[in-house]
Amino acid sequence: MVREIIQVVYARKPVDWHEIESGSRPDCGETIPTQVSETRETTEAEYNAFIARPLAKREWLAGKGGYQGNIKQAIALVCPGRETLYVDPSGSDYGRYVGRAVVADKEQRNEH
């Protein structure tokens, strides 16, 4: 099964939602070809905890992410009614790179 490649802009080592949001805007960084290696479904409380402290250690991130060839591997963090985030811990156990997919229609993004 071939996984879709999406374009994502990542914030590097963001400390909170503000840094995720500002660092992952399409006009703020380079778009990186990304494949979702796994999907993590979260509750609203779990999602909020992640965006409040993306650099906190999380066992479910340990040893994941990085690149396969020129394609970044990321975990899709999903929560009903919230924008999907893409997390590449690059082998670490925290949100080293947290990004958002580049979408053609900016109205597709949900507010946090």
PDB file of N, CA and C in Angstrom:
ATOM      1  N   MET A   1       0.840  -1.194   0.000  1.00  0.00           N
ATOM      2  CA  MET A   1       0.000   0.000   0.000  1.00  0.00           C
ATOM      3  C   MET A   1       0.881   1.251   0.000  1.00  0.00           C
ATOM      4  N   VAL A   2       0.669   2.108  -0.968  1.00  0.00           N
ATOM      5  CA  VAL A   2       1.429   3.343  -1.074  1.00  0.00           C
ATOM      6  C   VAL A   2       0.726   4.416  -0.245  1.00  0.00           C
ATOM      7  N   ARG A   3       1.497   5.024   0.632  1.00  0.00           N
ATOM      8  CA  ARG A   3       0.930   6.095   1.454  1.00  0.00           C
ATOM      9  C   ARG A   3       1.073   7.427   0.737  1.00  0.00           C
ATOM     10  N   GLU A   4       0.055   8.248   0.872  1.00  0.00           N
ATOM     11  CA  GLU A   4       0.026   9.562   0.245  1.00  0.00           C
ATOM     12  C   GLU A   4       1.135  10.446   0.812  1.00  0.00           C
ATOM     13  N   ILE A   5       1.722  11.251  -0.050  1.00  0.00           N
ATOM     14  CA  ILE A   5       2.706  12.237   0.387  1.00  0.00           C
ATOM     15  C   ILE A   5       2.004  13.583   0.452  1.00  0.00           C
ATOM     16  N   ILE A   6       2.090  14.212   1.610  1.00  0.00           N
ATOM     17  CA  ILE A   6       1.486  15.529   1.803  1.00  0.00           C
ATOM     18  C   ILE A   6       2.592  16.548   2.040  1.00  0.00           C
ATOM     19  N   GLN A   7       2.267  17.806   1.854  1.00  0.00           N
ATOM     20  CA  GLN A   7       3.228  18.882   2.096  1.00  0.00           C
ATOM     21  C   GLN A   7       2.920  19.502   3.454  1.00  0.00           C
ATOM     22  N   VAL A   8       3.932  19.569   4.318  1.00  0.00           N
ATOM     23  CA  VAL A   8       3.750  20.058   5.687  1.00  0.00           C
ATOM     24  C   VAL A   8       4.808  21.113   5.984  1.00  0.00           C
ATOM     25  N   VAL A   9       4.410  22.161   6.677  1.00  0.00           N
ATOM     26  CA  VAL A   9       5.354  23.154   7.197  1.00  0.00           C
ATOM     27  C   VAL A   9       5.484  22.881   8.691  1.00  0.00           C
ATOM     28  N   TYR A  10       6.711  22.705   9.154  1.00  0.00           N
ATOM     29  CA  TYR A  10       6.978  22.330  10.542  1.00  0.00           C
ATOM     30  C   TYR A  10       7.576  23.480  11.343  1.00  0.00           C
ATOM     31  N   ALA A  11       7.167  23.556  12.590  1.00  0.00           N
ATOM     32  CA  ALA A  11       7.828  24.414  13.575  1.00  0.00           C
ATOM     33  C   ALA A  11       8.844  23.524  14.288  1.00  0.00           C
ATOM     34  N   ARG A  12      10.048  24.025  14.511  1.00  0.00           N
ATOM     35  CA  ARG A  12      11.103  23.246  15.167  1.00  0.00           C
ATOM     36  C   ARG A  12      11.124  23.555  16.663  1.00  0.00           C
ATOM     37  N   LYS A  13      11.004  22.511  17.455  1.00  0.00           N
ATOM     38  CA  LYS A  13      11.016  22.580  18.917  1.00  0.00           C
ATOM     39  C   LYS A  13      10.083  23.666  19.472  1.00  0.00           C
ATOM     40  N   PRO A  14       8.809  23.624  19.071  1.00  0.00           N
ATOM     41  CA  PRO A  14       7.867  24.623  19.584  1.00  0.00           C
ATOM     42  C   PRO A  14       7.552  24.368  21.058  1.00  0.00           C
ATOM     43  N   VAL A  15       7.447  25.443  21.831  1.00  0.00           N
ATOM     44  CA  VAL A  15       7.178  25.284  23.268  1.00  0.00           C
ATOM     45  C   VAL A  15       5.695  25.294  23.605  1.00  0.00           C
ATOM     46  N   ASP A  16       4.850  25.771  22.679  1.00  0.00           N
ATOM     47  CA  ASP A  16       3.417  25.842  22.955  1.00  0.00           C
ATOM     48  C   ASP A  16       2.661  26.015  21.641  1.00  0.00           C
ATOM     49  N   TRP A  17       1.318  26.133  21.737  1.00  0.00           N
ATOM     50  CA  TRP A  17       0.498  26.280  20.533  1.00  0.00           C
ATOM     51  C   TRP A  17       0.889  27.508  19.730  1.00  0.00           C
ATOM     52  N   HIS A  18       1.192  28.603  20.392  1.00  0.00           N
ATOM     53  CA  HIS A  18       1.556  29.830  19.679  1.00  0.00           C
ATOM     54  C   HIS A  18       2.737  29.569  18.744  1.00  0.00           C
ATOM     55  N   GLU A  19       3.748  28.871  19.222  1.00  0.00           N
ATOM     56  CA  GLU A  19       4.914  28.588  18.386  1.00  0.00           C
ATOM     57  C   GLU A  19       4.607  27.542  17.309  1.00  0.00           C
ATOM     58  N   ILE A  20       3.712  26.601  17.607  1.00  0.00           N
ATOM     59  CA  ILE A  20       3.300  25.654  16.564  1.00  0.00           C
ATOM     60  C   ILE A  20       2.601  26.429  15.452  1.00  0.00           C
ATOM     61  N   GLU A  21       1.628  27.249  15.837  1.00  0.00           N
ATOM     62  CA  GLU A  21       0.822  27.989  14.863  1.00  0.00           C
ATOM     63  C   GLU A  21       1.675  28.965  14.058  1.00  0.00           C
ATOM     64  N   SER A  22       2.489  29.754  14.727  1.00  0.00           N
ATOM     65  CA  SER A  22       3.271  30.767  14.008  1.00  0.00           C
ATOM     66  C   SER A  22       4.402  30.150  13.192  1.00  0.00           C
ATOM     67  N   GLY A  23       4.979  29.048  13.661  1.00  0.00           N
ATOM     68  CA  GLY A  23       6.095  28.436  12.963  1.00  0.00           C
ATOM     69  C   GLY A  23       5.702  27.505  11.834  1.00  0.00           C
ATOM     70  N   SER A  24       4.417  27.168  11.741  1.00  0.00           N
ATOM     71  CA  SER A  24       3.996  26.224  10.707  1.00  0.00           C
ATOM     72  C   SER A  24       3.072  26.863   9.669  1.00  0.00           C
ATOM     73  N   ARG A  25       3.101  28.157   9.590  1.00  0.00           N
ATOM     74  CA  ARG A  25       2.328  28.850   8.546  1.00  0.00           C
ATOM     75  C   ARG A  25       3.030  28.653   7.206  1.00  0.00           C
ATOM     76  N   PRO A  26       2.259  28.529   6.125  1.00  0.00           N
ATOM     77  CA  PRO A  26       2.879  28.323   4.809  1.00  0.00           C
ATOM     78  C   PRO A  26       3.884  29.407   4.431  1.00  0.00           C
ATOM     79  N   ASP A  27       3.677  30.638   4.897  1.00  0.00           N
ATOM     80  CA  ASP A  27       4.599  31.721   4.544  1.00  0.00           C
ATOM     81  C   ASP A  27       5.780  31.830   5.515  1.00  0.00           C
ATOM     82  N   CYS A  28       5.862  30.923   6.476  1.00  0.00           N
ATOM     83  CA  CYS A  28       6.913  30.999   7.490  1.00  0.00           C
ATOM     84  C   CYS A  28       8.009  29.954   7.340  1.00  0.00           C
ATOM     85  N   GLY A  29       7.797  29.006   6.472  1.00  0.00           N
ATOM     86  CA  GLY A  29       8.810  27.966   6.374  1.00  0.00           C
ATOM     87  C   GLY A  29       8.687  27.173   5.095  1.00  0.00           C
ATOM     88  N   GLU A  30       9.596  26.249   4.963  1.00  0.00           N
ATOM     89  CA  GLU A  30       9.666  25.383   3.806  1.00  0.00           C
ATOM     90  C   GLU A  30       8.646  24.258   3.930  1.00  0.00           C
ATOM     91  N   THR A  31       8.008  23.915   2.831  1.00  0.00           N
ATOM     92  CA  THR A  31       7.116  22.756   2.851  1.00  0.00           C
ATOM     93  C   THR A  31       7.978  21.505   2.693  1.00  0.00           C
ATOM     94  N   ILE A  32       7.681  20.512   3.511  1.00  0.00           N
ATOM     95  CA  ILE A  32       8.451  19.277   3.544  1.00  0.00           C
ATOM     96  C   ILE A  32       7.550  18.118   3.096  1.00  0.00           C
ATOM     97  N   PRO A  33       7.964  17.347   2.090  1.00  0.00           N
ATOM     98  CA  PRO A  33       7.192  16.160   1.704  1.00  0.00           C
ATOM     99  C   PRO A  33       7.145  15.189   2.882  1.00  0.00           C
ATOM    100  N   THR A  34       5.942  14.764   3.245  1.00  0.00           N
ATOM    101  CA  THR A  34       5.733  13.974   4.466  1.00  0.00           C
ATOM    102  C   THR A  34       4.789  12.815   4.205  1.00  0.00           C
ATOM    103  N   GLN A  35       5.114  11.679   4.819  1.00  0.00           N
ATOM    104  CA  GLN A  35       4.200  10.534   4.844  1.00  0.00           C
ATOM    105  C   GLN A  35       3.814  10.286   6.287  1.00  0.00           C
ATOM    106  N   VAL A  36       2.565   9.921   6.494  1.00  0.00           N
ATOM    107  CA  VAL A  36       2.080   9.584   7.826  1.00  0.00           C
ATOM    108  C   VAL A  36       2.450   8.123   8.097  1.00  0.00           C
ATOM    109  N   SER A  37       3.283   7.919   9.105  1.00  0.00           N
ATOM    110  CA  SER A  37       3.700   6.560   9.457  1.00  0.00           C
ATOM    111  C   SER A  37       2.706   5.897  10.402  1.00  0.00           C
ATOM    112  N   GLU A  38       1.991   6.713  11.158  1.00  0.00           N
ATOM    113  CA  GLU A  38       0.913   6.207  12.015  1.00  0.00           C
ATOM    114  C   GLU A  38       0.005   7.356  12.390  1.00  0.00           C
ATOM    115  N   THR A  39      -1.176   7.015  12.845  1.00  0.00           N
ATOM    116  CA  THR A  39      -2.152   8.013  13.274  1.00  0.00           C
ATOM    117  C   THR A  39      -2.448   7.804  14.742  1.00  0.00           C
ATOM    118  N   ARG A  40      -2.393   8.894  15.501  1.00  0.00           N
ATOM    119  CA  ARG A  40      -2.709   8.838  16.928  1.00  0.00           C
ATOM    120  C   ARG A  40      -4.002   9.614  17.145  1.00  0.00           C
ATOM    121  N   GLU A  41      -5.055   8.888  17.484  1.00  0.00           N
ATOM    122  CA  GLU A  41      -6.338   9.535  17.765  1.00  0.00           C
ATOM    123  C   GLU A  41      -6.351   9.959  19.226  1.00  0.00           C
ATOM    124  N   THR A  42      -6.752  11.197  19.468  1.00  0.00           N
ATOM    125  CA  THR A  42      -6.716  11.735  20.822  1.00  0.00           C
ATOM    126  C   THR A  42      -8.077  12.291  21.224  1.00  0.00           C
ATOM    127  N   THR A  43      -8.242  12.413  22.527  1.00  0.00           N
ATOM    128  CA  THR A  43      -9.385  13.145  23.065  1.00  0.00           C
ATOM    129  C   THR A  43      -9.042  14.627  22.997  1.00  0.00           C
ATOM    130  N   GLU A  44     -10.012  15.464  23.230  1.00  0.00           N
ATOM    131  CA  GLU A  44      -9.742  16.899  23.243  1.00  0.00           C
ATOM    132  C   GLU A  44      -8.745  17.254  24.346  1.00  0.00           C
ATOM    133  N   ALA A  45      -8.868  16.611  25.505  1.00  0.00           N
ATOM    134  CA  ALA A  45      -7.942  16.882  26.615  1.00  0.00           C
ATOM    135  C   ALA A  45      -6.512  16.477  26.249  1.00  0.00           C
ATOM    136  N   GLU A  46      -6.347  15.326  25.595  1.00  0.00           N
ATOM    137  CA  GLU A  46      -5.010  14.885  25.180  1.00  0.00           C
ATOM    138  C   GLU A  46      -4.417  15.821  24.125  1.00  0.00           C
ATOM    139  N   TYR A  47      -5.237  16.228  23.181  1.00  0.00           N
ATOM    140  CA  TYR A  47      -4.792  17.149  22.129  1.00  0.00           C
ATOM    141  C   TYR A  47      -4.363  18.478  22.760  1.00  0.00           C
ATOM    142  N   ASN A  48      -5.198  18.998  23.658  1.00  0.00           N
ATOM    143  CA  ASN A  48      -4.874  20.263  24.321  1.00  0.00           C
ATOM    144  C   ASN A  48      -3.591  20.156  25.135  1.00  0.00           C
ATOM    145  N   ALA A  49      -3.386  19.014  25.802  1.00  0.00           N
ATOM    146  CA  ALA A  49      -2.167  18.805  26.586  1.00  0.00           C
ATOM    147  C   ALA A  49      -0.950  18.800  25.663  1.00  0.00           C
ATOM    148  N   PHE A  50      -1.091  18.180  24.492  1.00  0.00           N
ATOM    149  CA  PHE A  50       0.036  18.147  23.559  1.00  0.00           C
ATOM    150  C   PHE A  50       0.378  19.546  23.063  1.00  0.00           C
ATOM    151  N   ILE A  51      -0.619  20.306  22.604  1.00  0.00           N
ATOM    152  CA  ILE A  51      -0.306  21.631  22.049  1.00  0.00           C
ATOM    153  C   ILE A  51       0.129  22.621  23.125  1.00  0.00           C
ATOM    154  N   ALA A  52      -0.219  22.362  24.375  1.00  0.00           N
ATOM    155  CA  ALA A  52       0.244  23.226  25.467  1.00  0.00           C
ATOM    156  C   ALA A  52       1.712  22.977  25.795  1.00  0.00           C
ATOM    157  N   ARG A  53       2.168  21.715  25.629  1.00  0.00           N
ATOM    158  CA  ARG A  53       3.548  21.353  25.966  1.00  0.00           C
ATOM    159  C   ARG A  53       4.085  20.302  24.987  1.00  0.00           C
ATOM    160  N   PRO A  54       4.326  20.699  23.730  1.00  0.00           N
ATOM    161  CA  PRO A  54       4.787  19.723  22.747  1.00  0.00           C
ATOM    162  C   PRO A  54       6.169  19.140  23.041  1.00  0.00           C
ATOM    163  N   LEU A  55       6.966  19.821  23.868  1.00  0.00           N
ATOM    164  CA  LEU A  55       8.305  19.330  24.173  1.00  0.00           C
ATOM    165  C   LEU A  55       8.343  18.374  25.367  1.00  0.00           C
ATOM    166  N   ALA A  56       7.179  18.124  25.980  1.00  0.00           N
ATOM    167  CA  ALA A  56       7.132  17.162  27.087  1.00  0.00           C
ATOM    168  C   ALA A  56       7.409  15.760  26.552  1.00  0.00           C
ATOM    169  N   LYS A  57       8.043  14.933  27.374  1.00  0.00           N
ATOM    170  CA  LYS A  57       8.339  13.556  26.976  1.00  0.00           C
ATOM    171  C   LYS A  57       7.051  12.754  26.869  1.00  0.00           C
ATOM    172  N   ARG A  58       6.953  12.001  25.771  1.00  0.00           N
ATOM    173  CA  ARG A  58       5.794  11.141  25.537  1.00  0.00           C
ATOM    174  C   ARG A  58       6.283   9.808  24.990  1.00  0.00           C
ATOM    175  N   GLU A  59       5.947   8.761  25.706  1.00  0.00           N
ATOM    176  CA  GLU A  59       6.388   7.419  25.342  1.00  0.00           C
ATOM    177  C   GLU A  59       5.983   7.038  23.921  1.00  0.00           C
ATOM    178  N   TRP A  60       4.792   7.460  23.489  1.00  0.00           N
ATOM    179  CA  TRP A  60       4.285   7.077  22.171  1.00  0.00           C
ATOM    180  C   TRP A  60       5.061   7.714  21.015  1.00  0.00           C
ATOM    181  N   LEU A  61       5.946   8.678  21.311  1.00  0.00           N
ATOM    182  CA  LEU A  61       6.763   9.293  20.268  1.00  0.00           C
ATOM    183  C   LEU A  61       8.158   8.674  20.166  1.00  0.00           C
ATOM    184  N   ALA A  62       8.599   8.014  21.204  1.00  0.00           N
ATOM    185  CA  ALA A  62       9.988   7.546  21.303  1.00  0.00           C
ATOM    186  C   ALA A  62      10.414   6.689  20.115  1.00  0.00           C
ATOM    187  N   GLY A  63      11.542   7.085  19.523  1.00  0.00           N
ATOM    188  CA  GLY A  63      12.154   6.305  18.456  1.00  0.00           C
ATOM    189  C   GLY A  63      11.486   6.402  17.099  1.00  0.00           C
ATOM    190  N   LYS A  64      10.550   7.308  16.927  1.00  0.00           N
ATOM    191  CA  LYS A  64       9.799   7.399  15.669  1.00  0.00           C
ATOM    192  C   LYS A  64      10.217   8.629  14.873  1.00  0.00           C
ATOM    193  N   GLY A  65       9.683   8.718  13.662  1.00  0.00           N
ATOM    194  CA  GLY A  65       9.940   9.873  12.808  1.00  0.00           C
ATOM    195  C   GLY A  65      11.201   9.732  11.987  1.00  0.00           C
ATOM    196  N   GLY A  66      11.738  10.870  11.593  1.00  0.00           N
ATOM    197  CA  GLY A  66      12.929  10.883  10.748  1.00  0.00           C
ATOM    198  C   GLY A  66      12.562  10.859   9.274  1.00  0.00           C
ATOM    199  N   TYR A  67      13.497  10.385   8.472  1.00  0.00           N
ATOM    200  CA  TYR A  67      13.314  10.357   7.020  1.00  0.00           C
ATOM    201  C   TYR A  67      13.466   8.948   6.476  1.00  0.00           C
ATOM    202  N   GLN A  68      12.725   8.666   5.420  1.00  0.00           N
ATOM    203  CA  GLN A  68      12.936   7.500   4.564  1.00  0.00           C
ATOM    204  C   GLN A  68      13.232   8.096   3.197  1.00  0.00           C
ATOM    205  N   GLY A  69      14.470   8.024   2.787  1.00  0.00           N
ATOM    206  CA  GLY A  69      14.873   8.728   1.579  1.00  0.00           C
ATOM    207  C   GLY A  69      14.736  10.222   1.817  1.00  0.00           C
ATOM    208  N   ASN A  70      14.009  10.888   0.954  1.00  0.00           N
ATOM    209  CA  ASN A  70      13.791  12.338   1.093  1.00  0.00           C
ATOM    210  C   ASN A  70      12.427  12.668   1.676  1.00  0.00           C
ATOM    211  N   ILE A  71      11.742  11.676   2.233  1.00  0.00           N
ATOM    212  CA  ILE A  71      10.382  11.871   2.727  1.00  0.00           C
ATOM    213  C   ILE A  71      10.370  11.786   4.254  1.00  0.00           C
ATOM    214  N   LYS A  72       9.913  12.863   4.887  1.00  0.00           N
ATOM    215  CA  LYS A  72       9.795  12.884   6.347  1.00  0.00           C
ATOM    216  C   LYS A  72       8.680  11.939   6.779  1.00  0.00           C
ATOM    217  N   GLN A  73       8.921  11.211   7.849  1.00  0.00           N
ATOM    218  CA  GLN A  73       7.926  10.309   8.426  1.00  0.00           C
ATOM    219  C   GLN A  73       7.348  10.993   9.668  1.00  0.00           C
ATOM    220  N   ALA A  74       6.025  11.071   9.747  1.00  0.00           N
ATOM    221  CA  ALA A  74       5.395  11.780  10.856  1.00  0.00           C
ATOM    222  C   ALA A  74       4.201  11.013  11.397  1.00  0.00           C
ATOM    223  N   ILE A  75       3.875  11.322  12.619  1.00  0.00           N
ATOM    224  CA  ILE A  75       2.690  10.785  13.279  1.00  0.00           C
ATOM    225  C   ILE A  75       1.595  11.836  13.144  1.00  0.00           C
ATOM    226  N   ALA A  76       0.444  11.435  12.627  1.00  0.00           N
ATOM    227  CA  ALA A  76      -0.694  12.348  12.529  1.00  0.00           C
ATOM    228  C   ALA A  76      -1.408  12.358  13.879  1.00  0.00           C
ATOM    229  N   LEU A  77      -1.530  13.524  14.464  1.00  0.00           N
ATOM    230  CA  LEU A  77      -2.226  13.696  15.741  1.00  0.00           C
ATOM    231  C   LEU A  77      -3.615  14.227  15.411  1.00  0.00           C
ATOM    232  N   VAL A  78      -4.632  13.399  15.624  1.00  0.00           N
ATOM    233  CA  VAL A  78      -5.982  13.783  15.230  1.00  0.00           C
ATOM    234  C   VAL A  78      -6.914  13.840  16.435  1.00  0.00           C
ATOM    235  N   CYS A  79      -7.864  14.763  16.337  1.00  0.00           N
ATOM    236  CA  CYS A  79      -8.882  14.951  17.366  1.00  0.00           C
ATOM    237  C   CYS A  79     -10.118  15.480  16.653  1.00  0.00           C
ATOM    238  N   PRO A  80     -11.294  14.915  16.936  1.00  0.00           N
ATOM    239  CA  PRO A  80     -12.510  15.394  16.270  1.00  0.00           C
ATOM    240  C   PRO A  80     -12.682  16.912  16.437  1.00  0.00           C
ATOM    241  N   GLY A  81     -12.932  17.588  15.317  1.00  0.00           N
ATOM    242  CA  GLY A  81     -13.177  19.030  15.338  1.00  0.00           C
ATOM    243  C   GLY A  81     -11.935  19.885  15.425  1.00  0.00           C
ATOM    244  N   ARG A  82     -10.754  19.261  15.405  1.00  0.00           N
ATOM    245  CA  ARG A  82      -9.500  20.015  15.510  1.00  0.00           C
ATOM    246  C   ARG A  82      -8.642  19.739  14.282  1.00  0.00           C
ATOM    247  N   GLU A  83      -7.739  20.642  14.016  1.00  0.00           N
ATOM    248  CA  GLU A  83      -6.837  20.485  12.880  1.00  0.00           C
ATOM    249  C   GLU A  83      -5.832  19.361  13.151  1.00  0.00           C
ATOM    250  N   THR A  84      -5.609  18.519  12.167  1.00  0.00           N
ATOM    251  CA  THR A  84      -4.610  17.460  12.313  1.00  0.00           C
ATOM    252  C   THR A  84      -3.227  18.079  12.354  1.00  0.00           C
ATOM    253  N   LEU A  85      -2.437  17.631  13.320  1.00  0.00           N
ATOM    254  CA  LEU A  85      -1.043  18.051  13.423  1.00  0.00           C
ATOM    255  C   LEU A  85      -0.164  16.880  13.025  1.00  0.00           C
ATOM    256  N   TYR A  86       1.027  17.184  12.522  1.00  0.00           N
ATOM    257  CA  TYR A  86       1.986  16.170  12.115  1.00  0.00           C
ATOM    258  C   TYR A  86       3.230  16.318  12.980  1.00  0.00           C
ATOM    259  N   VAL A  87       3.598  15.226  13.640  1.00  0.00           N
ATOM    260  CA  VAL A  87       4.679  15.267  14.625  1.00  0.00           C
ATOM    261  C   VAL A  87       5.815  14.361  14.161  1.00  0.00           C
ATOM    262  N   ASP A  88       7.002  14.939  14.079  1.00  0.00           N
ATOM    263  CA  ASP A  88       8.211  14.174  13.780  1.00  0.00           C
ATOM    264  C   ASP A  88       9.164  14.338  14.964  1.00  0.00           C
ATOM    265  N   PRO A  89       9.238  13.318  15.823  1.00  0.00           N
ATOM    266  CA  PRO A  89      10.161  13.411  16.954  1.00  0.00           C
ATOM    267  C   PRO A  89      11.612  13.145  16.551  1.00  0.00           C
ATOM    268  N   SER A  90      11.848  12.713  15.313  1.00  0.00           N
ATOM    269  CA  SER A  90      13.201  12.411  14.818  1.00  0.00           C
ATOM    270  C   SER A  90      13.970  11.524  15.789  1.00  0.00           C
ATOM    271  N   GLY A  91      13.312  10.467  16.262  1.00  0.00           N
ATOM    272  CA  GLY A  91      13.941   9.508  17.160  1.00  0.00           C
ATOM    273  C   GLY A  91      13.855   9.870  18.628  1.00  0.00           C
ATOM    274  N   SER A  92      13.429  11.079  18.936  1.00  0.00           N
ATOM    275  CA  SER A  92      13.300  11.525  20.329  1.00  0.00           C
ATOM    276  C   SER A  92      11.947  11.115  20.897  1.00  0.00           C
ATOM    277  N   ASP A  93      11.655  11.568  22.097  1.00  0.00           N
ATOM    278  CA  ASP A  93      10.372  11.252  22.721  1.00  0.00           C
ATOM    279  C   ASP A  93       9.547  12.505  22.997  1.00  0.00           C
ATOM    280  N   TYR A  94       9.762  13.535  22.174  1.00  0.00           N
ATOM    281  CA  TYR A  94       9.005  14.780  22.304  1.00  0.00           C
ATOM    282  C   TYR A  94       8.732  15.333  20.908  1.00  0.00           C
ATOM    283  N   GLY A  95       7.892  16.348  20.823  1.00  0.00           N
ATOM    284  CA  GLY A  95       7.523  16.930  19.533  1.00  0.00           C
ATOM    285  C   GLY A  95       8.599  17.838  18.978  1.00  0.00           C
ATOM    286  N   ARG A  96       9.687  17.257  18.507  1.00  0.00           N
ATOM    287  CA  ARG A  96      10.808  18.034  17.973  1.00  0.00           C
ATOM    288  C   ARG A  96      10.373  18.910  16.792  1.00  0.00           C
ATOM    289  N   TYR A  97       9.588  18.331  15.886  1.00  0.00           N
ATOM    290  CA  TYR A  97       9.016  19.067  14.759  1.00  0.00           C
ATOM    291  C   TYR A  97       7.509  18.837  14.777  1.00  0.00           C
ATOM    292  N   VAL A  98       6.749  19.921  14.797  1.00  0.00           N
ATOM    293  CA  VAL A  98       5.286  19.825  14.784  1.00  0.00           C
ATOM    294  C   VAL A  98       4.792  20.720  13.660  1.00  0.00           C
ATOM    295  N   GLY A  99       3.983  20.146  12.780  1.00  0.00           N
ATOM    296  CA  GLY A  99       3.572  20.926  11.624  1.00  0.00           C
ATOM    297  C   GLY A  99       2.121  20.759  11.250  1.00  0.00           C
ATOM    298  N   ARG A 100       1.772  21.541  10.239  1.00  0.00           N
ATOM    299  CA  ARG A 100       0.425  21.518   9.692  1.00  0.00           C
ATOM    300  C   ARG A 100       0.524  21.379   8.184  1.00  0.00           C
ATOM    301  N   ALA A 101      -0.415  20.630   7.617  1.00  0.00           N
ATOM    302  CA  ALA A 101      -0.425  20.427   6.171  1.00  0.00           C
ATOM    303  C   ALA A 101      -0.750  21.737   5.472  1.00  0.00           C
ATOM    304  N   VAL A 102      -0.142  21.913   4.342  1.00  0.00           N
ATOM    305  CA  VAL A 102      -0.443  23.066   3.505  1.00  0.00           C
ATOM    306  C   VAL A 102      -1.716  22.727   2.739  1.00  0.00           C
ATOM    307  N   VAL A 103      -2.727  23.564   2.918  1.00  0.00           N
ATOM    308  CA  VAL A 103      -4.005  23.353   2.227  1.00  0.00           C
ATOM    309  C   VAL A 103      -4.265  24.535   1.306  1.00  0.00           C
ATOM    310  N   ALA A 104      -4.925  24.247   0.187  1.00  0.00           N
ATOM    311  CA  ALA A 104      -5.189  25.292  -0.802  1.00  0.00           C
ATOM    312  C   ALA A 104      -6.150  26.336  -0.266  1.00  0.00           C
ATOM    313  N   ASP A 105      -7.140  25.914   0.489  1.00  0.00           N
ATOM    314  CA  ASP A 105      -8.167  26.816   0.993  1.00  0.00           C
ATOM    315  C   ASP A 105      -7.938  27.036   2.481  1.00  0.00           C
ATOM    316  N   LYS A 106      -7.518  28.222   2.851  1.00  0.00           N
ATOM    317  CA  LYS A 106      -7.195  28.510   4.248  1.00  0.00           C
ATOM    318  C   LYS A 106      -8.385  28.331   5.183  1.00  0.00           C
ATOM    319  N   GLU A 107      -9.615  28.373   4.646  1.00  0.00           N
ATOM    320  CA  GLU A 107     -10.794  28.193   5.489  1.00  0.00           C
ATOM    321  C   GLU A 107     -10.942  26.755   5.962  1.00  0.00           C
ATOM    322  N   GLN A 108     -10.167  25.824   5.394  1.00  0.00           N
ATOM    323  CA  GLN A 108     -10.219  24.434   5.836  1.00  0.00           C
ATOM    324  C   GLN A 108      -9.563  24.245   7.197  1.00  0.00           C
ATOM    325  N   ARG A 109      -8.762  25.203   7.644  1.00  0.00           N
ATOM    326  CA  ARG A 109      -8.095  25.091   8.940  1.00  0.00           C
ATOM    327  C   ARG A 109      -9.100  25.390  10.045  1.00  0.00           C
ATOM    328  N   ASN A 110      -9.007  24.644  11.145  1.00  0.00           N
ATOM    329  CA  ASN A 110      -9.866  24.883  12.299  1.00  0.00           C
ATOM    330  C   ASN A 110      -9.139  25.742  13.311  1.00  0.00           C
ATOM    331  N   GLU A 111      -9.857  26.547  14.019  1.00  0.00           N
ATOM    332  CA  GLU A 111      -9.264  27.356  15.083  1.00  0.00           C
ATOM    333  C   GLU A 111      -9.063  26.493  16.312  1.00  0.00           C
ATOM    334  N   HIS A 112      -8.088  26.841  17.145  1.00  0.00           N
ATOM    335  CA  HIS A 112      -7.803  26.082  18.366  1.00  0.00           C
ATOM    336  C   HIS A 112      -8.263  26.865  19.525  1.00  0.00           C
TER     337      HIS A 112
END
